[in-house]
């Protein structure tokens, strides 16, 4: 189906049901999800990359704007001044590639961390500080480190594993 890409909003926690509605109507859909390791084994292991949003490609003249406003589980298209905001194909393709690259990179493979491994924080408010690895936190890619604040004083800090790199 020809047309432009648009951002479709879903009702809270209804992204999966909305994606099935969109596909059943023959509308092209891009709905990126990410694998997570939830603490609760009954929780979803696959969660939306953009909670509450997905991308649809449609010809609004053919399909009609009201289709997305009244579709079950939908809150309508993202609009500015009452006009649906379209996304350029190049931007969406770049977004797809970036999300695919990100999902291929696994923090576990990138950082082989053992307790006591010296680290440098490379982003966030503590960028440039030295620390040592303490432990991984269950259910996410967050870790606990011991931040070297003052000589001999280490403060525990929890942050995303992507914020650190192994000290060379």
Foldseek 3Di string as FASTA:
>chain_A
DAAFKFKWFFDAPCVVVVVVLCVVVVWDWAWDWAAWFAPDPVDDRIGTPDGGIIMTGDHCVVCPQVCRCPGPRTPGTDDDPPHTDTDDPVVVVVVVVVSVVVRVDDLCVQDVADFFFKKAFCDDPRHGWIWTFHAADPTHQKGWIFTCDDVPHTDIDIDHSVRMDGDD
